[in-house]
């Protein structure tokens, strides 16, 4: 399962709203598990099914108090998460399962 995140431009909304799109969810059971896990904190915005690959996708959104709160949540998430800029380029920051804290 892949997860792609992006932020809605704060200049337009004056909020820190983020979207995450989960792609290549393998099967209905995994899709239902993801929806159940995300629906408490996140708003489900959309979902879909690719009949050729036989996998699902899900789009969720959430408002954060600040970009730092987003980073904290994203680094602690268990997903393979990549955040993109408004130009569609991946940000160099490591999030989710890619982020590993260094031992002191």
N, C-alpha and C. Protein backbone atom coordinates (compact mmCIF):
# COMPACT_ATOMS: atom_id res chain seq x y z
N UNK A 1 0.84 -1.17 0.00
CA UNK A 1 0.00 0.00 0.00
C UNK A 1 0.89 1.24 0.00
N UNK A 2 0.58 2.18 -0.86
CA UNK A 2 1.31 3.44 -0.95
C UNK A 2 0.45 4.56 -0.38
N UNK A 3 1.08 5.54 0.25
CA UNK A 3 0.36 6.69 0.78
C UNK A 3 1.05 7.97 0.33
N UNK A 4 0.27 8.86 -0.28
CA UNK A 4 0.78 10.13 -0.79
C UNK A 4 0.03 11.24 -0.07
N UNK A 5 0.77 12.25 0.44
CA UNK A 5 0.16 13.34 1.18
C UNK A 5 0.47 14.68 0.53
N UNK A 6 -0.43 15.63 0.70
CA UNK A 6 -0.19 17.00 0.27
C UNK A 6 -1.03 17.93 1.12
N UNK A 7 -0.60 19.20 1.15
CA UNK A 7 -1.26 20.23 1.95
C UNK A 7 -2.03 21.17 1.03
N UNK A 8 -3.22 21.57 1.47
CA UNK A 8 -3.96 22.60 0.77
C UNK A 8 -3.28 23.93 1.07
N UNK A 9 -3.13 24.77 0.09
CA UNK A 9 -2.41 26.03 0.23
C UNK A 9 -3.02 26.87 1.36
N UNK A 10 -2.24 27.13 2.41
CA UNK A 10 -2.73 27.86 3.58
C UNK A 10 -3.04 29.32 3.25
N UNK A 11 -2.47 29.84 2.19
CA UNK A 11 -2.77 31.22 1.81
C UNK A 11 -4.22 31.36 1.39
N UNK A 12 -4.79 30.31 0.88
CA UNK A 12 -6.18 30.37 0.42
C UNK A 12 -7.17 30.07 1.55
N UNK A 13 -6.83 29.15 2.43
CA UNK A 13 -7.78 28.69 3.43
C UNK A 13 -7.47 29.15 4.85
N UNK A 14 -6.24 29.62 5.11
CA UNK A 14 -5.78 30.02 6.44
C UNK A 14 -5.87 28.85 7.42
N UNK A 15 -5.75 27.65 6.91
CA UNK A 15 -5.80 26.43 7.71
C UNK A 15 -4.61 25.57 7.33
N UNK A 16 -4.40 24.55 8.12
CA UNK A 16 -3.36 23.56 7.82
C UNK A 16 -4.08 22.24 7.56
N UNK A 17 -4.63 22.11 6.36
CA UNK A 17 -5.41 20.93 6.00
C UNK A 17 -4.58 20.05 5.08
N UNK A 18 -4.52 18.78 5.42
CA UNK A 18 -3.73 17.82 4.66
C UNK A 18 -4.63 16.72 4.12
N UNK A 19 -4.25 16.22 2.97
CA UNK A 19 -4.91 15.07 2.35
C UNK A 19 -3.92 13.93 2.25
N UNK A 20 -4.41 12.72 2.44
CA UNK A 20 -3.61 11.52 2.20
C UNK A 20 -4.40 10.63 1.25
N UNK A 21 -3.72 10.17 0.21
CA UNK A 21 -4.32 9.23 -0.72
C UNK A 21 -3.60 7.90 -0.58
N UNK A 22 -4.36 6.88 -0.22
CA UNK A 22 -3.82 5.52 -0.11
C UNK A 22 -4.12 4.80 -1.40
N UNK A 23 -3.09 4.29 -2.05
CA UNK A 23 -3.23 3.57 -3.31
C UNK A 23 -2.84 2.11 -3.12
N UNK A 24 -3.29 1.29 -4.04
CA UNK A 24 -2.94 -0.13 -4.09
C UNK A 24 -3.25 -0.86 -2.78
N UNK A 25 -4.46 -0.63 -2.27
CA UNK A 25 -4.92 -1.34 -1.08
C UNK A 25 -5.37 -2.72 -1.54
N UNK A 26 -4.71 -3.78 -1.06
CA UNK A 26 -4.95 -5.12 -1.61
C UNK A 26 -6.17 -5.83 -1.01
N UNK A 27 -7.34 -5.57 -1.55
CA UNK A 27 -8.52 -6.31 -1.12
C UNK A 27 -9.47 -5.53 -0.23
N UNK A 28 -10.69 -6.01 -0.18
CA UNK A 28 -11.77 -5.35 0.56
C UNK A 28 -11.51 -5.36 2.07
N UNK A 29 -10.94 -6.42 2.58
CA UNK A 29 -10.68 -6.52 4.01
C UNK A 29 -9.67 -5.47 4.45
N UNK A 30 -8.58 -5.30 3.70
CA UNK A 30 -7.57 -4.29 4.02
C UNK A 30 -8.16 -2.88 3.88
N UNK A 31 -9.00 -2.68 2.88
CA UNK A 31 -9.67 -1.39 2.68
C UNK A 31 -10.56 -1.06 3.88
N UNK A 32 -11.38 -2.01 4.31
CA UNK A 32 -12.28 -1.80 5.46
C UNK A 32 -11.49 -1.54 6.74
N UNK A 33 -10.38 -2.23 6.92
CA UNK A 33 -9.53 -2.03 8.09
C UNK A 33 -8.96 -0.62 8.11
N UNK A 34 -8.50 -0.14 6.95
CA UNK A 34 -7.96 1.21 6.83
C UNK A 34 -9.03 2.26 7.12
N UNK A 35 -10.21 2.10 6.54
CA UNK A 35 -11.30 3.05 6.76
C UNK A 35 -11.68 3.08 8.23
N UNK A 36 -11.77 1.95 8.87
CA UNK A 36 -12.12 1.88 10.29
C UNK A 36 -11.06 2.58 11.14
N UNK A 37 -9.81 2.39 10.79
CA UNK A 37 -8.71 3.01 11.54
C UNK A 37 -8.68 4.53 11.35
N UNK A 38 -8.96 5.01 10.15
CA UNK A 38 -8.82 6.42 9.84
C UNK A 38 -10.05 7.26 10.19
N UNK A 39 -11.23 6.66 10.28
CA UNK A 39 -12.45 7.45 10.39
C UNK A 39 -12.60 8.20 11.71
N UNK A 40 -11.85 7.82 12.75
CA UNK A 40 -11.96 8.53 14.02
C UNK A 40 -11.31 9.91 13.96
N UNK A 41 -10.15 10.01 13.32
CA UNK A 41 -9.42 11.27 13.26
C UNK A 41 -9.52 11.97 11.91
N UNK A 42 -9.76 11.23 10.86
CA UNK A 42 -9.73 11.75 9.50
C UNK A 42 -11.11 11.71 8.88
N UNK A 43 -11.36 12.58 7.92
CA UNK A 43 -12.60 12.58 7.17
C UNK A 43 -12.37 11.83 5.87
N UNK A 44 -13.20 10.85 5.59
CA UNK A 44 -13.10 10.08 4.35
C UNK A 44 -13.70 10.95 3.23
N UNK A 45 -12.86 11.31 2.25
CA UNK A 45 -13.29 12.20 1.16
C UNK A 45 -13.68 11.44 -0.10
N UNK A 46 -13.09 10.27 -0.30
CA UNK A 46 -13.39 9.51 -1.50
C UNK A 46 -12.75 8.14 -1.46
N UNK A 47 -13.22 7.28 -2.32
CA UNK A 47 -12.65 5.94 -2.44
C UNK A 47 -12.87 5.45 -3.86
N UNK A 48 -12.20 4.38 -4.20
CA UNK A 48 -12.34 3.85 -5.54
C UNK A 48 -11.81 2.45 -5.65
N UNK A 49 -12.02 1.85 -6.82
CA UNK A 49 -11.60 0.47 -7.09
C UNK A 49 -11.07 0.39 -8.52
N UNK A 50 -9.91 -0.23 -8.68
CA UNK A 50 -9.32 -0.45 -10.00
C UNK A 50 -9.59 -1.90 -10.37
N UNK A 51 -10.49 -2.11 -11.32
CA UNK A 51 -10.90 -3.48 -11.65
C UNK A 51 -9.80 -4.24 -12.38
N UNK A 52 -8.86 -3.54 -13.03
CA UNK A 52 -7.79 -4.23 -13.74
C UNK A 52 -6.73 -4.77 -12.77
N UNK A 53 -6.38 -3.98 -11.78
CA UNK A 53 -5.40 -4.42 -10.77
C UNK A 53 -6.06 -5.07 -9.57
N UNK A 54 -7.37 -4.94 -9.47
CA UNK A 54 -8.17 -5.48 -8.38
C UNK A 54 -7.67 -4.99 -7.02
N UNK A 55 -7.50 -3.67 -6.90
CA UNK A 55 -7.16 -3.09 -5.62
C UNK A 55 -7.93 -1.79 -5.43
N UNK A 56 -7.93 -1.30 -4.21
CA UNK A 56 -8.73 -0.15 -3.82
C UNK A 56 -7.86 1.06 -3.58
N UNK A 57 -8.51 2.25 -3.50
CA UNK A 57 -7.84 3.48 -3.08
C UNK A 57 -8.79 4.23 -2.16
N UNK A 58 -8.20 5.09 -1.32
CA UNK A 58 -8.98 5.85 -0.36
C UNK A 58 -8.34 7.22 -0.19
N UNK A 59 -9.17 8.27 -0.09
CA UNK A 59 -8.70 9.63 0.10
C UNK A 59 -9.28 10.17 1.40
N UNK A 60 -8.41 10.68 2.29
CA UNK A 60 -8.83 11.21 3.59
C UNK A 60 -8.27 12.61 3.78
N UNK A 61 -8.91 13.41 4.64
CA UNK A 61 -8.42 14.76 4.93
C UNK A 61 -8.55 15.03 6.42
N UNK A 62 -7.71 15.99 6.88
CA UNK A 62 -7.73 16.37 8.29
C UNK A 62 -7.08 17.74 8.45
N UNK A 63 -7.58 18.53 9.41
CA UNK A 63 -7.00 19.82 9.74
C UNK A 63 -6.07 19.65 10.94
N UNK A 64 -4.93 20.31 10.89
CA UNK A 64 -3.97 20.31 11.99
C UNK A 64 -3.80 21.73 12.50
N UNK A 65 -3.36 21.87 13.74
CA UNK A 65 -3.14 23.19 14.32
C UNK A 65 -1.97 23.91 13.68
N UNK A 66 -0.95 23.16 13.29
CA UNK A 66 0.24 23.75 12.69
C UNK A 66 0.94 22.70 11.83
N UNK A 67 1.86 23.13 10.96
CA UNK A 67 2.62 22.15 10.18
C UNK A 67 3.47 21.23 11.06
N UNK A 68 3.88 21.71 12.22
CA UNK A 68 4.66 20.88 13.14
C UNK A 68 3.82 19.73 13.68
N UNK A 69 2.53 19.97 13.94
CA UNK A 69 1.63 18.89 14.38
C UNK A 69 1.48 17.84 13.29
N UNK A 70 1.40 18.28 12.04
CA UNK A 70 1.34 17.35 10.91
C UNK A 70 2.59 16.48 10.86
N UNK A 71 3.76 17.11 10.96
CA UNK A 71 5.03 16.38 10.90
C UNK A 71 5.10 15.35 12.01
N UNK A 72 4.68 15.73 13.21
CA UNK A 72 4.70 14.80 14.34
C UNK A 72 3.79 13.60 14.08
N UNK A 73 2.57 13.87 13.57
CA UNK A 73 1.65 12.76 13.27
C UNK A 73 2.23 11.88 12.16
N UNK A 74 2.72 12.52 11.10
CA UNK A 74 3.20 11.78 9.93
C UNK A 74 4.42 10.92 10.26
N UNK A 75 5.32 11.41 11.09
CA UNK A 75 6.50 10.63 11.44
C UNK A 75 6.15 9.42 12.29
N UNK A 76 5.07 9.51 13.05
CA UNK A 76 4.66 8.40 13.91
C UNK A 76 3.70 7.43 13.22
N UNK A 77 3.28 7.74 12.00
CA UNK A 77 2.35 6.84 11.31
C UNK A 77 3.07 5.58 10.85
N UNK A 78 2.32 4.54 10.67
CA UNK A 78 2.91 3.25 10.29
C UNK A 78 2.90 3.02 8.78
N UNK A 79 2.51 4.03 8.01
CA UNK A 79 2.41 3.88 6.56
C UNK A 79 3.68 4.36 5.87
N UNK A 80 3.91 3.85 4.68
CA UNK A 80 5.00 4.32 3.82
C UNK A 80 4.50 5.60 3.17
N UNK A 81 4.79 6.75 3.79
CA UNK A 81 4.17 8.02 3.45
C UNK A 81 5.16 8.96 2.77
N UNK A 82 4.72 9.60 1.69
CA UNK A 82 5.52 10.60 0.97
C UNK A 82 4.67 11.85 0.84
N UNK A 83 5.23 13.02 1.26
CA UNK A 83 4.52 14.28 1.11
C UNK A 83 5.03 14.99 -0.14
N UNK A 84 4.11 15.63 -0.85
CA UNK A 84 4.43 16.32 -2.09
C UNK A 84 4.22 17.82 -1.95
N UNK A 85 5.01 18.59 -2.69
CA UNK A 85 4.85 20.04 -2.73
C UNK A 85 3.67 20.38 -3.60
N UNK A 86 3.32 21.66 -3.66
CA UNK A 86 2.20 22.06 -4.51
C UNK A 86 2.52 21.93 -5.99
N UNK A 87 3.81 21.77 -6.32
CA UNK A 87 4.22 21.56 -7.71
C UNK A 87 4.27 20.08 -8.08
N UNK A 88 3.99 19.21 -7.12
CA UNK A 88 3.96 17.78 -7.39
C UNK A 88 5.29 17.06 -7.18
N UNK A 89 6.26 17.75 -6.58
CA UNK A 89 7.56 17.12 -6.31
C UNK A 89 7.58 16.57 -4.89
N UNK A 90 8.18 15.39 -4.68
CA UNK A 90 8.25 14.84 -3.33
C UNK A 90 9.15 15.69 -2.44
N UNK A 91 8.72 15.90 -1.20
CA UNK A 91 9.54 16.64 -0.24
C UNK A 91 10.63 15.71 0.28
N UNK A 92 11.80 16.26 0.64
CA UNK A 92 12.90 15.41 1.09
C UNK A 92 12.75 14.90 2.52
N UNK A 93 11.74 15.35 3.24
CA UNK A 93 11.55 14.93 4.63
C UNK A 93 11.05 13.48 4.68
N UNK A 94 11.57 12.72 5.60
CA UNK A 94 11.17 11.31 5.75
C UNK A 94 10.00 11.22 6.72
N UNK A 95 8.97 10.49 6.31
CA UNK A 95 7.75 10.34 7.11
C UNK A 95 7.36 8.88 7.21
N UNK A 96 6.54 8.58 8.19
CA UNK A 96 5.98 7.24 8.32
C UNK A 96 7.02 6.17 8.56
N UNK A 97 6.89 5.07 7.86
CA UNK A 97 7.81 3.96 8.05
C UNK A 97 9.20 4.27 7.50
N UNK A 98 9.33 5.34 6.70
CA UNK A 98 10.64 5.75 6.20
C UNK A 98 11.45 6.50 7.25
N UNK A 99 10.78 7.05 8.26
CA UNK A 99 11.44 7.85 9.28
C UNK A 99 11.95 6.95 10.39
N UNK A 100 13.21 7.04 10.68
CA UNK A 100 13.80 6.28 11.77
C UNK A 100 14.51 7.24 12.69
N UNK A 101 14.15 7.22 13.96
CA UNK A 101 14.83 8.09 14.92
C UNK A 101 16.20 7.52 15.24
N UNK A 102 17.16 8.43 15.31
CA UNK A 102 18.52 8.01 15.64
C UNK A 102 18.64 7.87 17.15
N UNK A 103 19.29 6.81 17.58
CA UNK A 103 19.53 6.60 19.01
C UNK A 103 20.61 7.55 19.49
N UNK A 104 20.39 8.15 20.67
CA UNK A 104 21.39 9.10 21.22
C UNK A 104 22.47 8.38 21.95
